Amino acid sequence: MKTTRIYILFLSFACAFTGTAQTKKKIDYFDLHAVRLLDSPFKHAQDLDKVYLLELNADRLLAPFLREAGLPQKAESYTNWENTGLDGHIGGHYLSALSLMYASTDDKEIGERLNYMLSELKRCQEANGNGYIGGVPDGKKIWEEIANGNIRAAGFSLNDKWVPLYNIHKTYAGLRDAYLYAGRQDAKEMLIKMSDWAIRLVENLSDTQMQDMLRSEHGGLNEVFADVAAITGDKKYLKLAHLFSHQFVLEPLLSHEDKLTGMHANTQIPKVLGFKRIADIEGNESWSDASRFFWETVVEHRSVCIGGNSVREHFHPTNDFSGMVKEIEGPETCNTYNMLRLSKMLYQTSLDKKYMDYYERALYNHILSTQNPETGGLVYFTQMRPGHYRVYSQPQTSMWCCVGSGIENHAKYGEMIYAHGVDELYVNLFIPSTLYWEDKKVEVTQNNSFPDQASTELSFNTERPTKFTLKIRYPSWVEANNVEVFINGKGIRINQTDDGYISIDRKWVMGDKVVIQMPMHIVVEQLPDQTNYYSILYGPLVLAAKTEKDDLAGLFADDSRGGHIAHGKKIPLRDMPIIVSDPDKISSCIQPVTGKPLTFTLSNLYSHKYPNEMELIPFFRLHESRYIIYWPQATTEDVAKLQERIMIEEKENERLDKITLDKITCGEQQPESDHFIQSDKSRTGFDEGVHWRDAQGWFGYQLKNVNNDAKYVFLKYLDLQEPSAFDILLNDSIIASVTLDGTGGEETFSQVIEIPSSLSDSDKLSIKIQAKDDRKTAKIVEIRLLSKK
């Protein structure tokens, strides 16, 4: 029996404000200190993550904060995103990850690293003298501008800086987590002082100015300020949370309108976390319902089999998942990180099992799969394009957002395995672990070889006989009436209640054992837009096939701005194997491999390149290889037609890609940020299935002239709705002037401009699209550097 411990519980909204009608919780979560992982893929991932955290250099992460506070830096800042505009954002994530890892392991070295980070950040806060802590380059200037009402906001910039509000949100969240998970009182004091700074920052801004500012990505600042309100009991922070709630996103959700298509996905999800947190604190049913509607829209209509969403970081149309199949920038890890956080919130106030079913699927198939099991490297994009691959971070080169959320992901696997009511213990996930339930003086050990064996065993260690109801989730992937439960070796009749749990109400004594057997079966799942692409699942696991390991360019990322993207060759989709079968008979093409758990063969395949039978394994075990998750399907009669259609669709794109040296998708955050977007009086939009940018002033980027081979600039425009006139400048020299009368008549059209020989030798080319003659520019969709026409 474990000795009694004092736990720092994650703050409950129920204790926030006396007399306030908070949303009633249905269950409580156990603190991470109460749960310890046992040997399993999750324990392995946690151990690797701890190594990764300790490999990171705290002084390099702290460098931007010291610089902005006017203090001497102890080391040079990291490169990549950490010295090109998002300086300091990983430092905030690092605080959260250390706090979560410390709560999950009690590791002394992790605790010391956390203490060091906090002590240095406290020095920065004291040096700043106003409560602020941040690494935003030239932050003092832009915060002064904003406080004075000088706001220049765009989707991915604020006052000409790369999403500074998003950046400082990571610091706020890190301080919050250091207090709530690791019990650091100094973090609480620093968090409150920084929140007071935020109040002063915006106290003179009008509602219109606030909402204008919130057009710039700002993470989940409304959630953090709501947390500060709950921590302090002071409603001024709840008012601040409301001020930082973006009405442009909230209002359609309140009306159950899906306006998400084309929006940057992970800009929106954290806002909804804030809506839900505020709703729970103040009992706001409409905001809570809006959050639920958002979850259902994203999970049930915009997500793929692994639980992830978005193409090139943006929400695609619900009726067109073609981008998932064609693009090499599939679901982003940050999105799923935040969708799991939202699922956790919604489950607590509803006890609806669908949130746990999603949580389990996304945990195994996306989150767990995004860590390299040998190096601990983390994944940004998980491609659904058949035959492509993923890129892994390295501790000293890769400072992406998905590294920040990634180091948190693998530090908190104990958070949802169990939950409890007053007299109910919920077993939600079948992850080997021990739980100490302080209130009942009960230790529960869960042992299994899941998912290799579809069963789990619960052992009870009690100080005295203790009565409570054990509630075991009846997984959605088990067929009805197909679960068996044994108590101390004796089968029992299963009472599956309406809430989707198996309930066992008894007095538990020392040595009691419960065994749950949950047979899995093959399920074939169509792409949500009902096109003829299918994924294959066994129980909760997505199965995938390895293809080849050649040309995995950039498999382990360098520190370049695009290093998180798998830029190796794209295998033509026409070469991918096709399942030749009627859709309802695909499962008959899948057979288990004797003696190899969770290994299957998929037969009836047609391809001139691949065999007609391929091996399937759980996707989370497939690494450093090209792979297939979604399979095209056709009947025998339609195979040739399908290949011909794919070939026609790919032909022009393949030709253009072969001669492209650099490419920008205008209006999308990461491509623009990676090419150092600058603009004046410019805006972005989404029409006809594509993003665009135009300007009444100008906008520009830095392009990479690989090997100085650039000969042409390629521009793609959206069909014009109004006349436009603009110059195209390269390194400040006009290379073309365009005047359009607004009667193009095509959805998109393109233009190729020859680069003057005097400019072609430059390895970096600055391109500017500048409006003239009192007109706007065209809506520019894409810019490329080409080696030839």
Foldseek 3Di string as FASTA:
>chain_A
DDDDDDAQAFFDLVQQAPPFDFQDWPFFWDFLLQKEFDDALLVLLLVLLVVLLVVFDLLQLCQLQCVVLVHDRPDHHFFFCCPQFLNNQLVLLSLLLLLLQCSNPVDPVSVVSNVVSLVSQVVSCVSNPQLDTFRGVVVVVQLVCQLVLNWDDFAQDIPQGGLRLQSCVSNLNSLSSCCRRVNDPSSLVSNVSNLVSVCSSCVPPDLVSLLRNLSYQRFQQLQSLLSNSRVVSDCVSNVVSVSNQHCVLQVCLLVLHDPFAPPQQRSVLSSLSSLLSSCRNNVPVSSVSSSVSVLCCCQVQADDLQLFGDALRGGHDSQDPVSLAPPQFAGFLSNSLSSLVSLVSNCRSPVALVSLLSNVSNVQRPLLLQADSPNRFGATGDGQHAQAAFAGEDSRADDDVRVSSNSNSSSNPPGPQWIRDPFEIEGRDQGFMWGQDNVQRKIWTKDDNPPLFQKIKIFIAHPAFAWGKYWYAQHPQADPPRKWKAKPRHTDDFDQDPSRTTIDTDTDYHGIMMMMGGAWAKDWADTSSPAQKIFIDTRSFTKKFFDFQPFQPLNYFGNANPSSTRPGDDDQPLQAKEQADDPVCQSVQWAADPPDGQKIKGANIDGPPDDRITIIHGSSPDHSGRMHGIHGYDHPVCSVVVSVVSCVVCVVVVVQVVFFPWKAFPQRNSSCSSFSKDDDQKHWDADPRFIWIKGLFKMKGKTFCVVLLFFKKKWKFAQFQAWFWKFKDKPNHTQDIDTDGRPPVDRMDMDITTDPPVPSNDRMIMIMIGTDPSGMHTTIGMMTGGSDD
